[in-house]
């Protein structure tokens, strides 16, 4: 069974700033989690927090509009797909 969750949020920041917030390791660490991450197709990333390791592979990266990667927590074997879509809207960015 495939389930999906969709959430949209408008940010009053440029699309480049929002893209950087979800792809730049240093920025990700400031709001989310320690990251070894590059927004490059095929890159195998790791997010780390205490004993938790989230690993996956970047499936698509189309700066500044689309980022898709797999997500597996602590080698559980349960793979999730995460998709970030960005568009310019009302002087900011719809994520």
PDB file of N, CA and C in Angstrom:
ATOM      1  N   UNK A   1       0.843  -1.170   0.000  1.00  0.00           N
ATOM      2  CA  UNK A   1       0.000   0.000   0.000  1.00  0.00           C
ATOM      3  C   UNK A   1       0.896   1.243   0.000  1.00  0.00           C
ATOM      4  N   UNK A   2       0.617   2.151  -0.904  1.00  0.00           N
ATOM      5  CA  UNK A   2       1.365   3.400  -0.971  1.00  0.00           C
ATOM      6  C   UNK A   2       0.540   4.492  -0.304  1.00  0.00           C
ATOM      7  N   UNK A   3       1.160   5.136   0.657  1.00  0.00           N
ATOM      8  CA  UNK A   3       0.524   6.257   1.340  1.00  0.00           C
ATOM      9  C   UNK A   3       1.375   7.489   1.086  1.00  0.00           C
ATOM     10  N   UNK A   4       0.728   8.625   1.048  1.00  0.00           N
ATOM     11  CA  UNK A   4       1.494   9.857   0.904  1.00  0.00           C
ATOM     12  C   UNK A   4       0.919  10.935   1.807  1.00  0.00           C
ATOM     13  N   UNK A   5       1.801  11.832   2.176  1.00  0.00           N
ATOM     14  CA  UNK A   5       1.433  12.990   2.978  1.00  0.00           C
ATOM     15  C   UNK A   5       1.925  14.203   2.202  1.00  0.00           C
ATOM     16  N   UNK A   6       1.055  15.177   2.033  1.00  0.00           N
ATOM     17  CA  UNK A   6       1.419  16.387   1.313  1.00  0.00           C
ATOM     18  C   UNK A   6       1.197  17.589   2.212  1.00  0.00           C
ATOM     19  N   UNK A   7       2.193  18.426   2.281  1.00  0.00           N
ATOM     20  CA  UNK A   7       2.108  19.633   3.095  1.00  0.00           C
ATOM     21  C   UNK A   7       2.690  20.773   2.272  1.00  0.00           C
ATOM     22  N   UNK A   8       2.014  21.900   2.246  1.00  0.00           N
ATOM     23  CA  UNK A   8       2.507  23.079   1.553  1.00  0.00           C
ATOM     24  C   UNK A   8       2.687  24.215   2.545  1.00  0.00           C
ATOM     25  N   UNK A   9       3.738  24.990   2.326  1.00  0.00           N
ATOM     26  CA  UNK A   9       3.985  26.143   3.190  1.00  0.00           C
ATOM     27  C   UNK A   9       4.583  27.240   2.321  1.00  0.00           C
ATOM     28  N   UNK A  10       4.108  28.455   2.528  1.00  0.00           N
ATOM     29  CA  UNK A  10       4.643  29.614   1.825  1.00  0.00           C
ATOM     30  C   UNK A  10       5.645  30.316   2.737  1.00  0.00           C
ATOM     31  N   UNK A  11       6.818  30.611   2.182  1.00  0.00           N
ATOM     32  CA  UNK A  11       7.863  31.331   2.911  1.00  0.00           C
ATOM     33  C   UNK A  11       8.115  32.663   2.236  1.00  0.00           C
ATOM     34  N   UNK A  12       8.312  33.675   2.990  1.00  0.00           N
ATOM     35  CA  UNK A  12       8.594  35.005   2.456  1.00  0.00           C
ATOM     36  C   UNK A  12      10.067  35.184   2.152  1.00  0.00           C
ATOM     37  N   UNK A  13      10.673  34.172   1.581  1.00  0.00           N
ATOM     38  CA  UNK A  13      12.094  34.191   1.226  1.00  0.00           C
ATOM     39  C   UNK A  13      12.236  33.781  -0.230  1.00  0.00           C
ATOM     40  N   UNK A  14      13.348  34.142  -0.823  1.00  0.00           N
ATOM     41  CA  UNK A  14      13.584  33.793  -2.226  1.00  0.00           C
ATOM     42  C   UNK A  14      13.674  32.281  -2.390  1.00  0.00           C
ATOM     43  N   UNK A  15      13.404  31.816  -3.597  1.00  0.00           N
ATOM     44  CA  UNK A  15      13.468  30.387  -3.876  1.00  0.00           C
ATOM     45  C   UNK A  15      14.892  29.862  -3.647  1.00  0.00           C
ATOM     46  N   UNK A  16      15.897  30.677  -3.947  1.00  0.00           N
ATOM     47  CA  UNK A  16      17.286  30.263  -3.718  1.00  0.00           C
ATOM     48  C   UNK A  16      17.559  30.085  -2.226  1.00  0.00           C
ATOM     49  N   UNK A  17      17.057  30.986  -1.397  1.00  0.00           N
ATOM     50  CA  UNK A  17      17.257  30.873   0.049  1.00  0.00           C
ATOM     51  C   UNK A  17      16.586  29.618   0.609  1.00  0.00           C
ATOM     52  N   UNK A  18      15.378  29.318   0.140  1.00  0.00           N
ATOM     53  CA  UNK A  18      14.673  28.126   0.618  1.00  0.00           C
ATOM     54  C   UNK A  18      15.398  26.871   0.120  1.00  0.00           C
ATOM     55  N   UNK A  19      15.821  26.866  -1.134  1.00  0.00           N
ATOM     56  CA  UNK A  19      16.589  25.736  -1.674  1.00  0.00           C
ATOM     57  C   UNK A  19      17.837  25.493  -0.817  1.00  0.00           C
ATOM     58  N   UNK A  20      18.553  26.556  -0.508  1.00  0.00           N
ATOM     59  CA  UNK A  20      19.760  26.419   0.318  1.00  0.00           C
ATOM     60  C   UNK A  20      19.430  25.843   1.692  1.00  0.00           C
ATOM     61  N   UNK A  21      18.306  26.236   2.257  1.00  0.00           N
ATOM     62  CA  UNK A  21      17.922  25.748   3.589  1.00  0.00           C
ATOM     63  C   UNK A  21      17.677  24.242   3.603  1.00  0.00           C
ATOM     64  N   UNK A  22      17.226  23.678   2.460  1.00  0.00           N
ATOM     65  CA  UNK A  22      16.940  22.238   2.432  1.00  0.00           C
ATOM     66  C   UNK A  22      18.055  21.419   1.779  1.00  0.00           C
ATOM     67  N   UNK A  23      19.117  22.079   1.301  1.00  0.00           N
ATOM     68  CA  UNK A  23      20.181  21.330   0.628  1.00  0.00           C
ATOM     69  C   UNK A  23      21.576  21.587   1.185  1.00  0.00           C
ATOM     70  N   UNK A  24      21.792  22.690   1.839  1.00  0.00           N
ATOM     71  CA  UNK A  24      23.122  23.023   2.360  1.00  0.00           C
ATOM     72  C   UNK A  24      23.326  22.381   3.736  1.00  0.00           C
ATOM     73  N   UNK A  25      24.374  21.580   3.868  1.00  0.00           N
ATOM     74  CA  UNK A  25      24.624  20.836   5.112  1.00  0.00           C
ATOM     75  C   UNK A  25      24.614  21.731   6.353  1.00  0.00           C
ATOM     76  N   UNK A  26      25.285  22.862   6.274  1.00  0.00           N
ATOM     77  CA  UNK A  26      25.370  23.746   7.444  1.00  0.00           C
ATOM     78  C   UNK A  26      24.008  24.324   7.805  1.00  0.00           C
ATOM     79  N   UNK A  27      23.256  24.737   6.788  1.00  0.00           N
ATOM     80  CA  UNK A  27      21.930  25.279   7.067  1.00  0.00           C
ATOM     81  C   UNK A  27      20.995  24.196   7.588  1.00  0.00           C
ATOM     82  N   UNK A  28      21.079  22.985   7.027  1.00  0.00           N
ATOM     83  CA  UNK A  28      20.242  21.882   7.498  1.00  0.00           C
ATOM     84  C   UNK A  28      20.518  21.589   8.970  1.00  0.00           C
ATOM     85  N   UNK A  29      21.779  21.629   9.352  1.00  0.00           N
ATOM     86  CA  UNK A  29      22.149  21.346  10.738  1.00  0.00           C
ATOM     87  C   UNK A  29      21.597  22.401  11.689  1.00  0.00           C
ATOM     88  N   UNK A  30      21.390  23.616  11.190  1.00  0.00           N
ATOM     89  CA  UNK A  30      20.899  24.679  12.075  1.00  0.00           C
ATOM     90  C   UNK A  30      19.404  24.556  12.363  1.00  0.00           C
ATOM     91  N   UNK A  31      18.629  23.913  11.475  1.00  0.00           N
ATOM     92  CA  UNK A  31      17.179  23.837  11.696  1.00  0.00           C
ATOM     93  C   UNK A  31      16.648  22.416  11.770  1.00  0.00           C
ATOM     94  N   UNK A  32      17.458  21.430  11.352  1.00  0.00           N
ATOM     95  CA  UNK A  32      16.931  20.074  11.279  1.00  0.00           C
ATOM     96  C   UNK A  32      17.845  19.048  11.930  1.00  0.00           C
ATOM     97  N   UNK A  33      18.932  18.667  11.266  1.00  0.00           N
ATOM     98  CA  UNK A  33      19.747  17.554  11.735  1.00  0.00           C
ATOM     99  C   UNK A  33      21.138  17.647  11.104  1.00  0.00           C
ATOM    100  N   UNK A  34      22.132  17.082  11.789  1.00  0.00           N
ATOM    101  CA  UNK A  34      23.490  17.017  11.238  1.00  0.00           C
ATOM    102  C   UNK A  34      23.444  16.229   9.936  1.00  0.00           C
ATOM    103  N   UNK A  35      24.103  16.745   8.892  1.00  0.00           N
ATOM    104  CA  UNK A  35      23.946  16.130   7.576  1.00  0.00           C
ATOM    105  C   UNK A  35      25.263  15.995   6.821  1.00  0.00           C
ATOM    106  N   UNK A  36      25.408  14.868   6.146  1.00  0.00           N
ATOM    107  CA  UNK A  36      26.399  14.683   5.087  1.00  0.00           C
ATOM    108  C   UNK A  36      25.538  14.579   3.839  1.00  0.00           C
ATOM    109  N   UNK A  37      25.359  15.686   3.138  1.00  0.00           N
ATOM    110  CA  UNK A  37      24.352  15.755   2.077  1.00  0.00           C
ATOM    111  C   UNK A  37      24.820  16.633   0.935  1.00  0.00           C
ATOM    112  N   UNK A  38      24.546  16.189  -0.267  1.00  0.00           N
ATOM    113  CA  UNK A  38      24.740  17.004  -1.458  1.00  0.00           C
ATOM    114  C   UNK A  38      23.526  16.797  -2.357  1.00  0.00           C
ATOM    115  N   UNK A  39      23.008  17.855  -2.908  1.00  0.00           N
ATOM    116  CA  UNK A  39      21.844  17.776  -3.797  1.00  0.00           C
ATOM    117  C   UNK A  39      22.323  17.404  -5.194  1.00  0.00           C
ATOM    118  N   UNK A  40      22.824  16.164  -5.304  1.00  0.00           N
ATOM    119  CA  UNK A  40      23.331  15.637  -6.567  1.00  0.00           C
ATOM    120  C   UNK A  40      22.745  14.247  -6.767  1.00  0.00           C
ATOM    121  N   UNK A  41      22.186  13.993  -7.941  1.00  0.00           N
ATOM    122  CA  UNK A  41      21.601  12.688  -8.234  1.00  0.00           C
ATOM    123  C   UNK A  41      22.625  11.585  -7.968  1.00  0.00           C
ATOM    124  N   UNK A  42      22.187  10.568  -7.213  1.00  0.00           N
ATOM    125  CA  UNK A  42      23.044   9.442  -6.891  1.00  0.00           C
ATOM    126  C   UNK A  42      23.812   9.586  -5.591  1.00  0.00           C
ATOM    127  N   UNK A  43      23.837  10.800  -5.016  1.00  0.00           N
ATOM    128  CA  UNK A  43      24.599  10.993  -3.772  1.00  0.00           C
ATOM    129  C   UNK A  43      23.948  10.196  -2.645  1.00  0.00           C
ATOM    130  N   UNK A  44      24.758   9.439  -1.916  1.00  0.00           N
ATOM    131  CA  UNK A  44      24.268   8.667  -0.776  1.00  0.00           C
ATOM    132  C   UNK A  44      24.558   9.471   0.482  1.00  0.00           C
ATOM    133  N   UNK A  45      23.513   9.969   1.085  1.00  0.00           N
ATOM    134  CA  UNK A  45      23.637  10.889   2.213  1.00  0.00           C
ATOM    135  C   UNK A  45      23.421  10.164   3.545  1.00  0.00           C
ATOM    136  N   UNK A  46      23.807  10.852   4.619  1.00  0.00           N
ATOM    137  CA  UNK A  46      23.531  10.390   5.979  1.00  0.00           C
ATOM    138  C   UNK A  46      23.144  11.589   6.831  1.00  0.00           C
ATOM    139  N   UNK A  47      22.021  11.471   7.536  1.00  0.00           N
ATOM    140  CA  UNK A  47      21.639  12.432   8.566  1.00  0.00           C
ATOM    141  C   UNK A  47      21.888  11.736   9.898  1.00  0.00           C
ATOM    142  N   UNK A  48      22.443  12.461  10.871  1.00  0.00           N
ATOM    143  CA  UNK A  48      22.788  11.850  12.149  1.00  0.00           C
ATOM    144  C   UNK A  48      22.289  12.697  13.307  1.00  0.00           C
ATOM    145  N   UNK A  49      21.639  12.021  14.265  1.00  0.00           N
ATOM    146  CA  UNK A  49      21.248  12.654  15.519  1.00  0.00           C
ATOM    147  C   UNK A  49      21.370  11.608  16.626  1.00  0.00           C
ATOM    148  N   UNK A  50      22.317  11.809  17.515  1.00  0.00           N
ATOM    149  CA  UNK A  50      22.588  10.862  18.598  1.00  0.00           C
ATOM    150  C   UNK A  50      22.720   9.450  18.026  1.00  0.00           C
ATOM    151  N   UNK A  51      21.862   8.531  18.394  1.00  0.00           N
ATOM    152  CA  UNK A  51      21.960   7.143  17.921  1.00  0.00           C
ATOM    153  C   UNK A  51      21.186   6.898  16.625  1.00  0.00           C
ATOM    154  N   UNK A  52      20.538   7.918  16.121  1.00  0.00           N
ATOM    155  CA  UNK A  52      19.719   7.756  14.918  1.00  0.00           C
ATOM    156  C   UNK A  52      20.515   8.133  13.674  1.00  0.00           C
ATOM    157  N   UNK A  53      20.487   7.237  12.698  1.00  0.00           N
ATOM    158  CA  UNK A  53      21.100   7.509  11.403  1.00  0.00           C
ATOM    159  C   UNK A  53      20.035   7.315  10.330  1.00  0.00           C
ATOM    160  N   UNK A  54      19.880   8.314   9.514  1.00  0.00           N
ATOM    161  CA  UNK A  54      18.956   8.260   8.384  1.00  0.00           C
ATOM    162  C   UNK A  54      19.820   8.266   7.140  1.00  0.00           C
ATOM    163  N   UNK A  55      19.620   7.246   6.308  1.00  0.00           N
ATOM    164  CA  UNK A  55      20.425   7.137   5.097  1.00  0.00           C
ATOM    165  C   UNK A  55      19.507   7.072   3.877  1.00  0.00           C
ATOM    166  N   UNK A  56      20.059   7.489   2.769  1.00  0.00           N
ATOM    167  CA  UNK A  56      19.296   7.403   1.537  1.00  0.00           C
ATOM    168  C   UNK A  56      20.114   7.848   0.357  1.00  0.00           C
ATOM    169  N   UNK A  57      19.442   7.902  -0.771  1.00  0.00           N
ATOM    170  CA  UNK A  57      20.079   8.283  -2.030  1.00  0.00           C
ATOM    171  C   UNK A  57      19.264   9.390  -2.684  1.00  0.00           C
ATOM    172  N   UNK A  58      19.949  10.377  -3.185  1.00  0.00           N
ATOM    173  CA  UNK A  58      19.280  11.443  -3.925  1.00  0.00           C
ATOM    174  C   UNK A  58      18.860  10.883  -5.280  1.00  0.00           C
ATOM    175  N   UNK A  59      17.572  10.912  -5.552  1.00  0.00           N
ATOM    176  CA  UNK A  59      17.020  10.387  -6.806  1.00  0.00           C
ATOM    177  C   UNK A  59      16.924  11.452  -7.888  1.00  0.00           C
ATOM    178  N   UNK A  60      16.571  12.667  -7.486  1.00  0.00           N
ATOM    179  CA  UNK A  60      16.444  13.785  -8.422  1.00  0.00           C
ATOM    180  C   UNK A  60      16.881  15.060  -7.721  1.00  0.00           C
ATOM    181  N   UNK A  61      17.572  15.905  -8.458  1.00  0.00           N
ATOM    182  CA  UNK A  61      17.948  17.223  -7.943  1.00  0.00           C
ATOM    183  C   UNK A  61      17.940  18.192  -9.116  1.00  0.00           C
ATOM    184  N   UNK A  62      16.953  19.067  -9.118  1.00  0.00           N
ATOM    185  CA  UNK A  62      16.808  20.077 -10.159  1.00  0.00           C
ATOM    186  C   UNK A  62      16.777  21.438  -9.468  1.00  0.00           C
ATOM    187  N   UNK A  63      17.984  21.986  -9.189  1.00  0.00           N
ATOM    188  CA  UNK A  63      18.022  23.266  -8.482  1.00  0.00           C
ATOM    189  C   UNK A  63      17.233  24.314  -9.245  1.00  0.00           C
ATOM    190  N   UNK A  64      16.515  25.072  -8.658  1.00  0.00           N
ATOM    191  CA  UNK A  64      16.037  25.268  -7.304  1.00  0.00           C
ATOM    192  C   UNK A  64      14.596  24.797  -7.147  1.00  0.00           C
ATOM    193  N   UNK A  65      14.197  23.852  -7.995  1.00  0.00           N
ATOM    194  CA  UNK A  65      12.776  23.521  -8.086  1.00  0.00           C
ATOM    195  C   UNK A  65      12.360  22.163  -7.529  1.00  0.00           C
ATOM    196  N   UNK A  66      13.259  21.171  -7.540  1.00  0.00           N
ATOM    197  CA  UNK A  66      12.851  19.830  -7.161  1.00  0.00           C
ATOM    198  C   UNK A  66      13.997  19.062  -6.521  1.00  0.00           C
ATOM    199  N   UNK A  67      13.683  18.387  -5.415  1.00  0.00           N
ATOM    200  CA  UNK A  67      14.629  17.506  -4.741  1.00  0.00           C
ATOM    201  C   UNK A  67      13.865  16.277  -4.275  1.00  0.00           C
ATOM    202  N   UNK A  68      14.359  15.086  -4.656  1.00  0.00           N
ATOM    203  CA  UNK A  68      13.719  13.831  -4.268  1.00  0.00           C
ATOM    204  C   UNK A  68      14.803  12.892  -3.753  1.00  0.00           C
ATOM    205  N   UNK A  69      14.545  12.274  -2.593  1.00  0.00           N
ATOM    206  CA  UNK A  69      15.504  11.296  -2.071  1.00  0.00           C
ATOM    207  C   UNK A  69      14.793  10.213  -1.276  1.00  0.00           C
ATOM    208  N   UNK A  70      15.487   9.087  -1.128  1.00  0.00           N
ATOM    209  CA  UNK A  70      14.966   8.003  -0.307  1.00  0.00           C
ATOM    210  C   UNK A  70      15.357   8.282   1.144  1.00  0.00           C
ATOM    211  N   UNK A  71      14.697   7.562   2.072  1.00  0.00           N
ATOM    212  CA  UNK A  71      14.847   7.823   3.510  1.00  0.00           C
ATOM    213  C   UNK A  71      14.678   6.500   4.238  1.00  0.00           C
ATOM    214  N   UNK A  72      15.717   6.048   4.950  1.00  0.00           N
ATOM    215  CA  UNK A  72      15.667   4.806   5.715  1.00  0.00           C
ATOM    216  C   UNK A  72      16.295   5.084   7.082  1.00  0.00           C
ATOM    217  N   UNK A  73      15.518   4.900   8.135  1.00  0.00           N
ATOM    218  CA  UNK A  73      15.973   5.189   9.499  1.00  0.00           C
ATOM    219  C   UNK A  73      16.591   3.934  10.109  1.00  0.00           C
ATOM    220  N   UNK A  74      17.853   4.072  10.549  1.00  0.00           N
ATOM    221  CA  UNK A  74      18.578   3.000  11.247  1.00  0.00           C
ATOM    222  C   UNK A  74      18.523   1.666  10.512  1.00  0.00           C
ATOM    223  N   UNK A  75      18.674   1.707   9.189  1.00  0.00           N
ATOM    224  CA  UNK A  75      18.684   0.482   8.374  1.00  0.00           C
ATOM    225  C   UNK A  75      17.474  -0.405   8.645  1.00  0.00           C
ATOM    226  N   UNK A  76      16.317   0.197   8.773  1.00  0.00           N
ATOM    227  CA  UNK A  76      15.092  -0.541   9.082  1.00  0.00           C
ATOM    228  C   UNK A  76      14.604  -1.373   7.899  1.00  0.00           C
ATOM    229  N   UNK A  77      15.071  -1.029   6.710  1.00  0.00           N
ATOM    230  CA  UNK A  77      14.577  -1.705   5.520  1.00  0.00           C
ATOM    231  C   UNK A  77      13.278  -1.107   5.005  1.00  0.00           C
ATOM    232  N   UNK A  78      12.735  -0.137   5.729  1.00  0.00           N
ATOM    233  CA  UNK A  78      11.525   0.557   5.297  1.00  0.00           C
ATOM    234  C   UNK A  78      11.974   1.841   4.603  1.00  0.00           C
ATOM    235  N   UNK A  79      11.838   1.855   3.291  1.00  0.00           N
ATOM    236  CA  UNK A  79      12.297   3.008   2.531  1.00  0.00           C
ATOM    237  C   UNK A  79      11.134   3.928   2.192  1.00  0.00           C
ATOM    238  N   UNK A  80      11.331   5.192   2.484  1.00  0.00           N
ATOM    239  CA  UNK A  80      10.358   6.231   2.202  1.00  0.00           C
ATOM    240  C   UNK A  80      10.954   7.155   1.148  1.00  0.00           C
ATOM    241  N   UNK A  81      10.107   7.767   0.349  1.00  0.00           N
ATOM    242  CA  UNK A  81      10.570   8.754  -0.617  1.00  0.00           C
ATOM    243  C   UNK A  81      10.137  10.135  -0.139  1.00  0.00           C
ATOM    244  N   UNK A  82      11.088  11.052  -0.117  1.00  0.00           N
ATOM    245  CA  UNK A  82      10.838  12.436   0.280  1.00  0.00           C
ATOM    246  C   UNK A  82      10.968  13.300  -0.970  1.00  0.00           C
ATOM    247  N   UNK A  83       9.962  14.148  -1.201  1.00  0.00           N
ATOM    248  CA  UNK A  83       9.980  15.019  -2.382  1.00  0.00           C
ATOM    249  C   UNK A  83       9.735  16.459  -1.958  1.00  0.00           C
ATOM    250  N   UNK A  84      10.645  17.333  -2.309  1.00  0.00           N
ATOM    251  CA  UNK A  84      10.513  18.759  -2.067  1.00  0.00           C
ATOM    252  C   UNK A  84      10.298  19.435  -3.416  1.00  0.00           C
ATOM    253  N   UNK A  85       9.191  20.153  -3.572  1.00  0.00           N
ATOM    254  CA  UNK A  85       8.917  20.933  -4.779  1.00  0.00           C
ATOM    255  C   UNK A  85       8.861  22.401  -4.380  1.00  0.00           C
ATOM    256  N   UNK A  86       9.551  23.233  -5.108  1.00  0.00           N
ATOM    257  CA  UNK A  86       9.595  24.654  -4.821  1.00  0.00           C
ATOM    258  C   UNK A  86       9.120  25.446  -6.026  1.00  0.00           C
ATOM    259  N   UNK A  87       8.382  26.525  -5.758  1.00  0.00           N
ATOM    260  CA  UNK A  87       7.981  27.443  -6.829  1.00  0.00           C
ATOM    261  C   UNK A  87       7.885  28.848  -6.262  1.00  0.00           C
ATOM    262  N   UNK A  88       8.137  29.815  -7.134  1.00  0.00           N
ATOM    263  CA  UNK A  88       8.026  31.209  -6.717  1.00  0.00           C
ATOM    264  C   UNK A  88       6.555  31.585  -6.684  1.00  0.00           C
ATOM    265  N   UNK A  89       6.165  32.236  -5.594  1.00  0.00           N
ATOM    266  CA  UNK A  89       4.755  32.650  -5.454  1.00  0.00           C
ATOM    267  C   UNK A  89       4.653  33.842  -4.516  1.00  0.00           C
ATOM    268  N   UNK A  90       3.883  34.825  -4.919  1.00  0.00           N
ATOM    269  CA  UNK A  90       3.578  35.994  -4.089  1.00  0.00           C
ATOM    270  C   UNK A  90       4.807  36.605  -3.432  1.00  0.00           C
ATOM    271  N   UNK A  91       5.875  36.758  -4.202  1.00  0.00           N
ATOM    272  CA  UNK A  91       7.084  37.392  -3.696  1.00  0.00           C
ATOM    273  C   UNK A  91       7.906  36.514  -2.766  1.00  0.00           C
ATOM    274  N   UNK A  92       7.572  35.253  -2.675  1.00  0.00           N
ATOM    275  CA  UNK A  92       8.306  34.323  -1.824  1.00  0.00           C
ATOM    276  C   UNK A  92       8.384  32.965  -2.509  1.00  0.00           C
ATOM    277  N   UNK A  93       8.341  31.927  -1.684  1.00  0.00           N
ATOM    278  CA  UNK A  93       8.484  30.562  -2.208  1.00  0.00           C
ATOM    279  C   UNK A  93       7.429  29.655  -1.619  1.00  0.00           C
ATOM    280  N   UNK A  94       6.784  28.887  -2.473  1.00  0.00           N
ATOM    281  CA  UNK A  94       5.868  27.839  -2.037  1.00  0.00           C
ATOM    282  C   UNK A  94       6.675  26.542  -2.016  1.00  0.00           C
ATOM    283  N   UNK A  95       6.727  25.940  -0.845  1.00  0.00           N
ATOM    284  CA  UNK A  95       7.466  24.690  -0.661  1.00  0.00           C
ATOM    285  C   UNK A  95       6.465  23.582  -0.407  1.00  0.00           C
TER     286      UNK A  95
END
